[in-house]
Each structure stands twice: as structure tokens, then as C-alpha cells.
Amino acid sequence: MNIDHYTYRVTWSQEDREHVGLCAEFPSLSWLAPTPEKALAGIRRVISEVVVDMQGAGEAIPEALAEKKYSGRFIVRVPSLVHRALATEAAEQGVSINRLVSAKLAV
């Protein structure tokens, strides 16, 4: 498992008055630090340690989002009035609902 492939993010926490290092594949973990660079280094170190512990315990290691295969298909349930509005808009534009919704999500 290469921890470099995980999805890291650093953001500012007004409440803590520090930067927070996060990893999307391990949403329960974070690292606070005075600088973005230290927050990133801290969360990477935590992830590395957790992965080693999980491997030692025989636990499944989360797959990096960047390495997952996506089909491009997912199902969303919406209220019937929203479905009707989307169908109407798609018809007016001369496109399928899928194309219309995909364009809206891409914005």
C-alpha cells in the first residue's frame, strides 16, 4: 500500500486556530499544526502508522480513491416534481435527462 496515493487535504480550523490535515480515505483521522506543511506531514505520518497497524492486525486497508475504478454510473432518487422539472428541461434542450444532469453536476 502506497500512502502517497491517498487523497490528502489541508484546511484552516477557525475553532482550533490551526491548520488541519485530513485524508479522505480515513475520515476519522486528522492532524492539527501551525502551518499547512506541518499539518500535511502530520496526517501523512498518522496514516502511515495506522496502515502499518492495520496490516499487522490483518485488517483491510482502504483503497486509494485515485486507484478505484468508477463506472460513471450511479442512481439518485429525487422527488417526482424534480424528476418532472428535469425531464421538461431536458426535452426543451433536446438532450437526455442523463446528459442534462451530468452537465449540471459538472458545474
PDB file of N, CA and C in Angstrom:
ATOM      1  N   MET A   1       0.848  -1.185   0.000  1.00  0.00           N
ATOM      2  CA  MET A   1       0.000   0.000   0.000  1.00  0.00           C
ATOM      3  C   MET A   1       0.885   1.235   0.000  1.00  0.00           C
ATOM      4  N   ASN A   2       0.680   2.097  -0.971  1.00  0.00           N
ATOM      5  CA  ASN A   2       1.461   3.320  -1.086  1.00  0.00           C
ATOM      6  C   ASN A   2       0.615   4.484  -0.563  1.00  0.00           C
ATOM      7  N   ILE A   3       0.989   5.008   0.600  1.00  0.00           N
ATOM      8  CA  ILE A   3       0.188   6.087   1.196  1.00  0.00           C
ATOM      9  C   ILE A   3       0.247   7.373   0.371  1.00  0.00           C
ATOM     10  N   ASP A   4       1.171   7.464  -0.573  1.00  0.00           N
ATOM     11  CA  ASP A   4       1.258   8.646  -1.439  1.00  0.00           C
ATOM     12  C   ASP A   4       0.046   8.747  -2.366  1.00  0.00           C
ATOM     13  N   HIS A   5      -0.684   7.641  -2.546  1.00  0.00           N
ATOM     14  CA  HIS A   5      -1.821   7.641  -3.467  1.00  0.00           C
ATOM     15  C   HIS A   5      -3.122   8.061  -2.795  1.00  0.00           C
ATOM     16  N   TYR A   6      -3.094   8.255  -1.484  1.00  0.00           N
ATOM     17  CA  TYR A   6      -4.292   8.678  -0.784  1.00  0.00           C
ATOM     18  C   TYR A   6      -4.619  10.148  -1.078  1.00  0.00           C
ATOM     19  N   THR A   7      -5.831  10.550  -0.762  1.00  0.00           N
ATOM     20  CA  THR A   7      -6.330  11.889  -1.042  1.00  0.00           C
ATOM     21  C   THR A   7      -6.206  12.748   0.210  1.00  0.00           C
ATOM     22  N   TYR A   8      -5.219  13.626   0.222  1.00  0.00           N
ATOM     23  CA  TYR A   8      -4.961  14.487   1.374  1.00  0.00           C
ATOM     24  C   TYR A   8      -5.481  15.894   1.112  1.00  0.00           C
ATOM     25  N   ARG A   9      -5.846  16.547   2.210  1.00  0.00           N
ATOM     26  CA  ARG A   9      -6.311  17.933   2.116  1.00  0.00           C
ATOM     27  C   ARG A   9      -5.896  18.648   3.389  1.00  0.00           C
ATOM     28  N   VAL A  10      -5.552  19.910   3.253  1.00  0.00           N
ATOM     29  CA  VAL A  10      -5.233  20.742   4.411  1.00  0.00           C
ATOM     30  C   VAL A  10      -6.185  21.926   4.390  1.00  0.00           C
ATOM     31  N   THR A  11      -6.783  22.198   5.528  1.00  0.00           N
ATOM     32  CA  THR A  11      -7.716  23.315   5.634  1.00  0.00           C
ATOM     33  C   THR A  11      -7.457  24.052   6.946  1.00  0.00           C
ATOM     34  N   TRP A  12      -7.998  25.229   7.065  1.00  0.00           N
ATOM     35  CA  TRP A  12      -7.838  26.033   8.274  1.00  0.00           C
ATOM     36  C   TRP A  12      -9.013  25.768   9.208  1.00  0.00           C
ATOM     37  N   SER A  13      -8.725  25.569  10.485  1.00  0.00           N
ATOM     38  CA  SER A  13      -9.773  25.418  11.504  1.00  0.00           C
ATOM     39  C   SER A  13      -9.820  26.692  12.332  1.00  0.00           C
ATOM     40  N   GLN A  14     -10.868  27.470  12.130  1.00  0.00           N
ATOM     41  CA  GLN A  14     -11.028  28.699  12.908  1.00  0.00           C
ATOM     42  C   GLN A  14     -11.182  28.365  14.386  1.00  0.00           C
ATOM     43  N   GLU A  15     -11.901  27.298  14.671  1.00  0.00           N
ATOM     44  CA  GLU A  15     -12.133  26.877  16.056  1.00  0.00           C
ATOM     45  C   GLU A  15     -10.819  26.532  16.776  1.00  0.00           C
ATOM     46  N   ASP A  16      -9.947  25.795  16.080  1.00  0.00           N
ATOM     47  CA  ASP A  16      -8.674  25.385  16.686  1.00  0.00           C
ATOM     48  C   ASP A  16      -7.556  26.401  16.452  1.00  0.00           C
ATOM     49  N   ARG A  17      -7.796  27.317  15.517  1.00  0.00           N
ATOM     50  CA  ARG A  17      -6.797  28.324  15.139  1.00  0.00           C
ATOM     51  C   ARG A  17      -5.509  27.671  14.656  1.00  0.00           C
ATOM     52  N   GLU A  18      -5.672  26.554  13.927  1.00  0.00           N
ATOM     53  CA  GLU A  18      -4.552  25.831  13.334  1.00  0.00           C
ATOM     54  C   GLU A  18      -5.012  25.216  12.013  1.00  0.00           C
ATOM     55  N   HIS A  19      -4.035  24.756  11.260  1.00  0.00           N
ATOM     56  CA  HIS A  19      -4.333  24.030  10.029  1.00  0.00           C
ATOM     57  C   HIS A  19      -4.634  22.579  10.382  1.00  0.00           C
ATOM     58  N   VAL A  20      -5.539  21.983   9.597  1.00  0.00           N
ATOM     59  CA  VAL A  20      -5.936  20.599   9.825  1.00  0.00           C
ATOM     60  C   VAL A  20      -5.577  19.775   8.610  1.00  0.00           C
ATOM     61  N   GLY A  21      -4.808  18.707   8.831  1.00  0.00           N
ATOM     62  CA  GLY A  21      -4.505  17.753   7.774  1.00  0.00           C
ATOM     63  C   GLY A  21      -5.545  16.651   7.798  1.00  0.00           C
ATOM     64  N   LEU A  22      -6.096  16.321   6.630  1.00  0.00           N
ATOM     65  CA  LEU A  22      -7.145  15.309   6.509  1.00  0.00           C
ATOM     66  C   LEU A  22      -6.797  14.316   5.409  1.00  0.00           C
ATOM     67  N   CYS A  23      -7.402  13.145   5.490  1.00  0.00           N
ATOM     68  CA  CYS A  23      -7.238  12.132   4.446  1.00  0.00           C
ATOM     69  C   CYS A  23      -8.623  11.557   4.157  1.00  0.00           C
ATOM     70  N   ALA A  24      -9.090  11.669   2.925  1.00  0.00           N
ATOM     71  CA  ALA A  24     -10.445  11.247   2.559  1.00  0.00           C
ATOM     72  C   ALA A  24     -10.680   9.766   2.819  1.00  0.00           C
ATOM     73  N   GLU A  25      -9.664   8.945   2.640  1.00  0.00           N
ATOM     74  CA  GLU A  25      -9.821   7.504   2.826  1.00  0.00           C
ATOM     75  C   GLU A  25      -9.895   7.100   4.302  1.00  0.00           C
ATOM     76  N   PHE A  26      -9.490   7.996   5.191  1.00  0.00           N
ATOM     77  CA  PHE A  26      -9.537   7.773   6.638  1.00  0.00           C
ATOM     78  C   PHE A  26     -10.226   8.983   7.283  1.00  0.00           C
ATOM     79  N   PRO A  27     -11.544   9.126   7.102  1.00  0.00           N
ATOM     80  CA  PRO A  27     -12.238  10.345   7.526  1.00  0.00           C
ATOM     81  C   PRO A  27     -12.238  10.602   9.031  1.00  0.00           C
ATOM     82  N   SER A  28     -11.934   9.606   9.833  1.00  0.00           N
ATOM     83  CA  SER A  28     -11.941   9.819  11.286  1.00  0.00           C
ATOM     84  C   SER A  28     -10.604  10.339  11.806  1.00  0.00           C
ATOM     85  N   LEU A  29      -9.612  10.447  10.943  1.00  0.00           N
ATOM     86  CA  LEU A  29      -8.285  10.888  11.368  1.00  0.00           C
ATOM     87  C   LEU A  29      -8.001  12.314  10.904  1.00  0.00           C
ATOM     88  N   SER A  30      -7.250  13.050  11.729  1.00  0.00           N
ATOM     89  CA  SER A  30      -6.837  14.408  11.362  1.00  0.00           C
ATOM     90  C   SER A  30      -5.573  14.756  12.138  1.00  0.00           C
ATOM     91  N   TRP A  31      -4.932  15.856  11.742  1.00  0.00           N
ATOM     92  CA  TRP A  31      -3.726  16.325  12.412  1.00  0.00           C
ATOM     93  C   TRP A  31      -3.741  17.851  12.425  1.00  0.00           C
ATOM     94  N   LEU A  32      -3.585  18.432  13.607  1.00  0.00           N
ATOM     95  CA  LEU A  32      -3.533  19.886  13.749  1.00  0.00           C
ATOM     96  C   LEU A  32      -2.084  20.350  13.801  1.00  0.00           C
ATOM     97  N   ALA A  33      -1.806  21.469  13.144  1.00  0.00           N
ATOM     98  CA  ALA A  33      -0.450  22.012  13.140  1.00  0.00           C
ATOM     99  C   ALA A  33      -0.510  23.511  12.823  1.00  0.00           C
ATOM    100  N   PRO A  34       0.542  24.255  13.200  1.00  0.00           N
ATOM    101  CA  PRO A  34       0.542  25.700  12.963  1.00  0.00           C
ATOM    102  C   PRO A  34       0.723  26.107  11.494  1.00  0.00           C
ATOM    103  N   THR A  35       1.247  25.211  10.664  1.00  0.00           N
ATOM    104  CA  THR A  35       1.435  25.539   9.250  1.00  0.00           C
ATOM    105  C   THR A  35       0.800  24.454   8.381  1.00  0.00           C
ATOM    106  N   PRO A  36       0.432  24.788   7.140  1.00  0.00           N
ATOM    107  CA  PRO A  36      -0.124  23.776   6.242  1.00  0.00           C
ATOM    108  C   PRO A  36       0.861  22.627   5.997  1.00  0.00           C
ATOM    109  N   GLU A  37       2.121  22.967   5.853  1.00  0.00           N
ATOM    110  CA  GLU A  37       3.134  21.937   5.582  1.00  0.00           C
ATOM    111  C   GLU A  37       3.236  20.937   6.734  1.00  0.00           C
ATOM    112  N   LYS A  38       3.188  21.442   7.963  1.00  0.00           N
ATOM    113  CA  LYS A  38       3.269  20.557   9.135  1.00  0.00           C
ATOM    114  C   LYS A  38       1.980  19.743   9.294  1.00  0.00           C
ATOM    115  N   ALA A  39       0.853  20.324   8.938  1.00  0.00           N
ATOM    116  CA  ALA A  39      -0.410  19.585   9.007  1.00  0.00           C
ATOM    117  C   ALA A  39      -0.396  18.428   8.011  1.00  0.00           C
ATOM    118  N   LEU A  40       0.107  18.680   6.799  1.00  0.00           N
ATOM    119  CA  LEU A  40       0.197  17.622   5.796  1.00  0.00           C
ATOM    120  C   LEU A  40       1.177  16.542   6.239  1.00  0.00           C
ATOM    121  N   ALA A  41       2.337  16.944   6.710  1.00  0.00           N
ATOM    122  CA  ALA A  41       3.328  15.962   7.183  1.00  0.00           C
ATOM    123  C   ALA A  41       2.764  15.143   8.335  1.00  0.00           C
ATOM    124  N   GLY A  42       2.026  15.785   9.229  1.00  0.00           N
ATOM    125  CA  GLY A  42       1.460  15.090  10.378  1.00  0.00           C
ATOM    126  C   GLY A  42       0.423  14.058   9.989  1.00  0.00           C
ATOM    127  N   ILE A  43      -0.504  14.417   9.100  1.00  0.00           N
ATOM    128  CA  ILE A  43      -1.541  13.458   8.715  1.00  0.00           C
ATOM    129  C   ILE A  43      -0.927  12.319   7.919  1.00  0.00           C
ATOM    130  N   ARG A  44       0.076  12.603   7.107  1.00  0.00           N
ATOM    131  CA  ARG A  44       0.752  11.526   6.359  1.00  0.00           C
ATOM    132  C   ARG A  44       1.438  10.559   7.323  1.00  0.00           C
ATOM    133  N   ARG A  45       2.037  11.083   8.370  1.00  0.00           N
ATOM    134  CA  ARG A  45       2.697  10.226   9.364  1.00  0.00           C
ATOM    135  C   ARG A  45       1.661   9.351  10.090  1.00  0.00           C
ATOM    136  N   VAL A  46       0.543   9.953  10.474  1.00  0.00           N
ATOM    137  CA  VAL A  46      -0.526   9.206  11.147  1.00  0.00           C
ATOM    138  C   VAL A  46      -1.054   8.098  10.238  1.00  0.00           C
ATOM    139  N   ILE A  47      -1.301   8.420   8.988  1.00  0.00           N
ATOM    140  CA  ILE A  47      -1.817   7.424   8.037  1.00  0.00           C
ATOM    141  C   ILE A  47      -0.820   6.285   7.883  1.00  0.00           C
ATOM    142  N   SER A  48       0.445   6.611   7.767  1.00  0.00           N
ATOM    143  CA  SER A  48       1.482   5.585   7.641  1.00  0.00           C
ATOM    144  C   SER A  48       1.462   4.641   8.832  1.00  0.00           C
ATOM    145  N   GLU A  49       1.372   5.198  10.028  1.00  0.00           N
ATOM    146  CA  GLU A  49       1.351   4.382  11.246  1.00  0.00           C
ATOM    147  C   GLU A  49       0.087   3.522  11.318  1.00  0.00           C
ATOM    148  N   VAL A  50      -1.052   4.092  10.963  1.00  0.00           N
ATOM    149  CA  VAL A  50      -2.313   3.353  11.001  1.00  0.00           C
ATOM    150  C   VAL A  50      -2.294   2.205   9.993  1.00  0.00           C
ATOM    151  N   VAL A  51      -1.778   2.456   8.803  1.00  0.00           N
ATOM    152  CA  VAL A  51      -1.709   1.403   7.783  1.00  0.00           C
ATOM    153  C   VAL A  51      -0.823   0.260   8.272  1.00  0.00           C
ATOM    154  N   VAL A  52       0.312   0.571   8.877  1.00  0.00           N
ATOM    155  CA  VAL A  52       1.199  -0.477   9.417  1.00  0.00           C
ATOM    156  C   VAL A  52       0.462  -1.280  10.486  1.00  0.00           C
ATOM    157  N   ASP A  53      -0.242  -0.588  11.386  1.00  0.00           N
ATOM    158  CA  ASP A  53      -1.005  -1.270  12.431  1.00  0.00           C
ATOM    159  C   ASP A  53      -2.096  -2.157  11.839  1.00  0.00           C
ATOM    160  N   MET A  54      -2.797  -1.646  10.840  1.00  0.00           N
ATOM    161  CA  MET A  54      -3.870  -2.423  10.212  1.00  0.00           C
ATOM    162  C   MET A  54      -3.309  -3.655   9.515  1.00  0.00           C
ATOM    163  N   GLN A  55      -2.182  -3.492   8.836  1.00  0.00           N
ATOM    164  CA  GLN A  55      -1.555  -4.637   8.172  1.00  0.00           C
ATOM    165  C   GLN A  55      -1.149  -5.690   9.207  1.00  0.00           C
ATOM    166  N   GLY A  56      -0.577  -5.245  10.306  1.00  0.00           N
ATOM    167  CA  GLY A  56      -0.162  -6.166  11.367  1.00  0.00           C
ATOM    168  C   GLY A  56      -1.333  -6.913  11.979  1.00  0.00           C
ATOM    169  N   ALA A  57      -2.495  -6.281  12.016  1.00  0.00           N
ATOM    170  CA  ALA A  57      -3.684  -6.902  12.586  1.00  0.00           C
ATOM    171  C   ALA A  57      -4.493  -7.679  11.540  1.00  0.00           C
ATOM    172  N   GLY A  58      -4.009  -7.670  10.297  1.00  0.00           N
ATOM    173  CA  GLY A  58      -4.719  -8.382   9.232  1.00  0.00           C
ATOM    174  C   GLY A  58      -5.998  -7.703   8.788  1.00  0.00           C
ATOM    175  N   GLU A  59      -6.115  -6.413   9.048  1.00  0.00           N
ATOM    176  CA  GLU A  59      -7.314  -5.667   8.656  1.00  0.00           C
ATOM    177  C   GLU A  59      -7.208  -5.202   7.208  1.00  0.00           C
ATOM    178  N   ALA A  60      -8.359  -4.999   6.593  1.00  0.00           N
ATOM    179  CA  ALA A  60      -8.405  -4.495   5.217  1.00  0.00           C
ATOM    180  C   ALA A  60      -7.988  -3.029   5.198  1.00  0.00           C
ATOM    181  N   ILE A  61      -7.089  -2.695   4.296  1.00  0.00           N
ATOM    182  CA  ILE A  61      -6.596  -1.324   4.152  1.00  0.00           C
ATOM    183  C   ILE A  61      -7.471  -0.616   3.120  1.00  0.00           C
ATOM    184  N   PRO A  62      -7.954   0.589   3.420  1.00  0.00           N
ATOM    185  CA  PRO A  62      -8.771   1.308   2.429  1.00  0.00           C
ATOM    186  C   PRO A  62      -8.019   1.528   1.121  1.00  0.00           C
ATOM    187  N   GLU A  63      -8.719   1.320   0.033  1.00  0.00           N
ATOM    188  CA  GLU A  63      -8.140   1.554  -1.288  1.00  0.00           C
ATOM    189  C   GLU A  63      -8.112   3.052  -1.553  1.00  0.00           C
ATOM    190  N   ALA A  64      -7.049   3.527  -2.164  1.00  0.00           N
ATOM    191  CA  ALA A  64      -6.941   4.943  -2.517  1.00  0.00           C
ATOM    192  C   ALA A  64      -8.015   5.289  -3.546  1.00  0.00           C
ATOM    193  N   LEU A  65      -8.690   6.413  -3.349  1.00  0.00           N
ATOM    194  CA  LEU A  65      -9.714   6.843  -4.293  1.00  0.00           C
ATOM    195  C   LEU A  65      -9.157   6.962  -5.707  1.00  0.00           C
ATOM    196  N   ALA A  66      -7.895   7.384  -5.816  1.00  0.00           N
ATOM    197  CA  ALA A  66      -7.268   7.567  -7.123  1.00  0.00           C
ATOM    198  C   ALA A  66      -7.055   6.245  -7.852  1.00  0.00           C
ATOM    199  N   GLU A  67      -7.062   5.132  -7.122  1.00  0.00           N
ATOM    200  CA  GLU A  67      -6.822   3.825  -7.737  1.00  0.00           C
ATOM    201  C   GLU A  67      -8.102   3.052  -8.002  1.00  0.00           C
ATOM    202  N   LYS A  68      -9.233   3.540  -7.488  1.00  0.00           N
ATOM    203  CA  LYS A  68     -10.506   2.859  -7.702  1.00  0.00           C
ATOM    204  C   LYS A  68     -10.970   3.053  -9.137  1.00  0.00           C
ATOM    205  N   LYS A  69     -11.699   2.087  -9.635  1.00  0.00           N
ATOM    206  CA  LYS A  69     -12.301   2.176 -10.961  1.00  0.00           C
ATOM    207  C   LYS A  69     -13.750   2.628 -10.778  1.00  0.00           C
ATOM    208  N   TYR A  70     -14.152   3.611 -11.547  1.00  0.00           N
ATOM    209  CA  TYR A  70     -15.510   4.136 -11.474  1.00  0.00           C
ATOM    210  C   TYR A  70     -16.221   3.887 -12.795  1.00  0.00           C
ATOM    211  N   SER A  71     -17.454   3.410 -12.708  1.00  0.00           N
ATOM    212  CA  SER A  71     -18.220   3.074 -13.909  1.00  0.00           C
ATOM    213  C   SER A  71     -18.804   4.307 -14.586  1.00  0.00           C
ATOM    214  N   GLY A  72     -18.930   5.394 -13.822  1.00  0.00           N
ATOM    215  CA  GLY A  72     -19.584   6.572 -14.364  1.00  0.00           C
ATOM    216  C   GLY A  72     -21.095   6.511 -14.197  1.00  0.00           C
ATOM    217  N   ARG A  73     -21.557   5.512 -13.471  1.00  0.00           N
ATOM    218  CA  ARG A  73     -22.996   5.320 -13.285  1.00  0.00           C
ATOM    219  C   ARG A  73     -23.318   5.284 -11.800  1.00  0.00           C
ATOM    220  N   PHE A  74     -24.331   6.046 -11.406  1.00  0.00           N
ATOM    221  CA  PHE A  74     -24.879   5.954 -10.066  1.00  0.00           C
ATOM    222  C   PHE A  74     -26.346   6.344 -10.125  1.00  0.00           C
ATOM    223  N   ILE A  75     -27.106   5.874  -9.163  1.00  0.00           N
ATOM    224  CA  ILE A  75     -28.549   6.107  -9.159  1.00  0.00           C
ATOM    225  C   ILE A  75     -28.886   7.089  -8.048  1.00  0.00           C
ATOM    226  N   VAL A  76     -29.702   8.064  -8.388  1.00  0.00           N
ATOM    227  CA  VAL A  76     -30.124   9.069  -7.424  1.00  0.00           C
ATOM    228  C   VAL A  76     -31.643   9.115  -7.422  1.00  0.00           C
ATOM    229  N   ARG A  77     -32.217   9.073  -6.249  1.00  0.00           N
ATOM    230  CA  ARG A  77     -33.678   9.221  -6.134  1.00  0.00           C
ATOM    231  C   ARG A  77     -33.984  10.688  -5.841  1.00  0.00           C
ATOM    232  N   VAL A  78     -34.932  11.227  -6.595  1.00  0.00           N
ATOM    233  CA  VAL A  78     -35.360  12.623  -6.407  1.00  0.00           C
ATOM    234  C   VAL A  78     -36.878  12.650  -6.307  1.00  0.00           C
ATOM    235  N   PRO A  79     -37.431  13.694  -5.720  1.00  0.00           N
ATOM    236  CA  PRO A  79     -38.890  13.819  -5.681  1.00  0.00           C
ATOM    237  C   PRO A  79     -39.463  13.874  -7.103  1.00  0.00           C
ATOM    238  N   SER A  80     -40.683  13.403  -7.250  1.00  0.00           N
ATOM    239  CA  SER A  80     -41.301  13.337  -8.585  1.00  0.00           C
ATOM    240  C   SER A  80     -41.381  14.711  -9.257  1.00  0.00           C
ATOM    241  N   LEU A  81     -41.577  15.765  -8.481  1.00  0.00           N
ATOM    242  CA  LEU A  81     -41.627  17.111  -9.079  1.00  0.00           C
ATOM    243  C   LEU A  81     -40.266  17.512  -9.651  1.00  0.00           C
ATOM    244  N   VAL A  82     -39.191  17.125  -8.991  1.00  0.00           N
ATOM    245  CA  VAL A  82     -37.851  17.409  -9.501  1.00  0.00           C
ATOM    246  C   VAL A  82     -37.607  16.609 -10.779  1.00  0.00           C
ATOM    247  N   HIS A  83     -38.024  15.340 -10.773  1.00  0.00           N
ATOM    248  CA  HIS A  83     -37.873  14.491 -11.957  1.00  0.00           C
ATOM    249  C   HIS A  83     -38.620  15.111 -13.144  1.00  0.00           C
ATOM    250  N   ARG A  84     -39.857  15.562 -12.894  1.00  0.00           N
ATOM    251  CA  ARG A  84     -40.655  16.189 -13.961  1.00  0.00           C
ATOM    252  C   ARG A  84     -39.960  17.453 -14.480  1.00  0.00           C
ATOM    253  N   ALA A  85     -39.457  18.284 -13.579  1.00  0.00           N
ATOM    254  CA  ALA A  85     -38.778  19.522 -13.993  1.00  0.00           C
ATOM    255  C   ALA A  85     -37.536  19.206 -14.823  1.00  0.00           C
ATOM    256  N   LEU A  86     -36.783  18.191 -14.413  1.00  0.00           N
ATOM    257  CA  LEU A  86     -35.585  17.804 -15.171  1.00  0.00           C
ATOM    258  C   LEU A  86     -35.961  17.261 -16.543  1.00  0.00           C
ATOM    259  N   ALA A  87     -37.003  16.431 -16.588  1.00  0.00           N
ATOM    260  CA  ALA A  87     -37.454  15.875 -17.864  1.00  0.00           C
ATOM    261  C   ALA A  87     -37.914  16.983 -18.806  1.00  0.00           C
ATOM    262  N   THR A  88     -38.616  17.957 -18.267  1.00  0.00           N
ATOM    263  CA  THR A  88     -39.104  19.088 -19.071  1.00  0.00           C
ATOM    264  C   THR A  88     -37.924  19.903 -19.602  1.00  0.00           C
ATOM    265  N   GLU A  89     -36.985  20.211 -18.712  1.00  0.00           N
ATOM    266  CA  GLU A  89     -35.816  20.993 -19.136  1.00  0.00           C
ATOM    267  C   GLU A  89     -34.994  20.250 -20.182  1.00  0.00           C
ATOM    268  N   ALA A  90     -34.821  18.952 -19.978  1.00  0.00           N
ATOM    269  CA  ALA A  90     -34.062  18.145 -20.943  1.00  0.00           C
ATOM    270  C   ALA A  90     -34.756  18.138 -22.299  1.00  0.00           C
ATOM    271  N   ALA A  91     -36.086  17.964 -22.289  1.00  0.00           N
ATOM    272  CA  ALA A  91     -36.840  17.958 -23.552  1.00  0.00           C
ATOM    273  C   ALA A  91     -36.731  19.301 -24.259  1.00  0.00           C
ATOM    274  N   GLU A  92     -36.814  20.389 -23.498  1.00  0.00           N
ATOM    275  CA  GLU A  92     -36.703  21.721 -24.086  1.00  0.00           C
ATOM    276  C   GLU A  92     -35.339  21.958 -24.708  1.00  0.00           C
ATOM    277  N   GLN A  93     -34.313  21.337 -24.125  1.00  0.00           N
ATOM    278  CA  GLN A  93     -32.948  21.496 -24.648  1.00  0.00           C
ATOM    279  C   GLN A  93     -32.619  20.445 -25.706  1.00  0.00           C
ATOM    280  N   GLY A  94     -33.488  19.457 -25.865  1.00  0.00           N
ATOM    281  CA  GLY A  94     -33.260  18.407 -26.854  1.00  0.00           C
ATOM    282  C   GLY A  94     -32.157  17.438 -26.452  1.00  0.00           C
ATOM    283  N   VAL A  95     -32.015  17.214 -25.141  1.00  0.00           N
ATOM    284  CA  VAL A  95     -30.997  16.278 -24.644  1.00  0.00           C
ATOM    285  C   VAL A  95     -31.669  15.285 -23.689  1.00  0.00           C
ATOM    286  N   SER A  96     -30.945  14.226 -23.353  1.00  0.00           N
ATOM    287  CA  SER A  96     -31.471  13.259 -22.395  1.00  0.00           C
ATOM    288  C   SER A  96     -31.356  13.827 -20.977  1.00  0.00           C
ATOM    289  N   ILE A  97     -32.148  13.263 -20.072  1.00  0.00           N
ATOM    290  CA  ILE A  97     -32.041  13.665 -18.668  1.00  0.00           C
ATOM    291  C   ILE A  97     -30.621  13.394 -18.169  1.00  0.00           C
ATOM    292  N   ASN A  98     -30.059  12.257 -18.555  1.00  0.00           N
ATOM    293  CA  ASN A  98     -28.692  11.933 -18.125  1.00  0.00           C
ATOM    294  C   ASN A  98     -27.705  13.019 -18.533  1.00  0.00           C
ATOM    295  N   ARG A  99     -27.801  13.466 -19.777  1.00  0.00           N
ATOM    296  CA  ARG A  99     -26.874  14.497 -20.261  1.00  0.00           C
ATOM    297  C   ARG A  99     -27.088  15.812 -19.517  1.00  0.00           C
ATOM    298  N   LEU A 100     -28.347  16.166 -19.279  1.00  0.00           N
ATOM    299  CA  LEU A 100     -28.675  17.399 -18.575  1.00  0.00           C
ATOM    300  C   LEU A 100     -28.120  17.363 -17.144  1.00  0.00           C
ATOM    301  N   VAL A 101     -28.398  16.275 -16.424  1.00  0.00           N
ATOM    302  CA  VAL A 101     -27.958  16.160 -15.023  1.00  0.00           C
ATOM    303  C   VAL A 101     -26.435  16.092 -14.956  1.00  0.00           C
ATOM    304  N   SER A 102     -25.814  15.375 -15.872  1.00  0.00           N
ATOM    305  CA  SER A 102     -24.351  15.299 -15.894  1.00  0.00           C
ATOM    306  C   SER A 102     -23.748  16.683 -16.080  1.00  0.00           C
ATOM    307  N   ALA A 103     -24.323  17.484 -16.963  1.00  0.00           N
ATOM    308  CA  ALA A 103     -23.827  18.846 -17.178  1.00  0.00           C
ATOM    309  C   ALA A 103     -24.018  19.697 -15.928  1.00  0.00           C
ATOM    310  N   LYS A 104     -25.147  19.528 -15.244  1.00  0.00           N
ATOM    311  CA  LYS A 104     -25.389  20.290 -14.020  1.00  0.00           C
ATOM    312  C   LYS A 104     -24.416  19.882 -12.917  1.00  0.00           C
ATOM    313  N   LEU A 105     -24.117  18.600 -12.804  1.00  0.00           N
ATOM    314  CA  LEU A 105     -23.187  18.141 -11.774  1.00  0.00           C
ATOM    315  C   LEU A 105     -21.748  18.566 -12.061  1.00  0.00           C
ATOM    316  N   ALA A 106     -21.428  18.746 -13.316  1.00  0.00           N
ATOM    317  CA  ALA A 106     -20.061  19.116 -13.693  1.00  0.00           C
ATOM    318  C   ALA A 106     -19.735  20.569 -13.379  1.00  0.00           C
ATOM    319  N   VAL A 107     -20.735  21.373 -13.104  1.00  0.00           N
ATOM    320  CA  VAL A 107     -20.526  22.800 -12.834  1.00  0.00           C
ATOM    321  C   VAL A 107     -19.909  22.999 -11.479  1.00  0.00           C
TER     322      VAL A 107
END
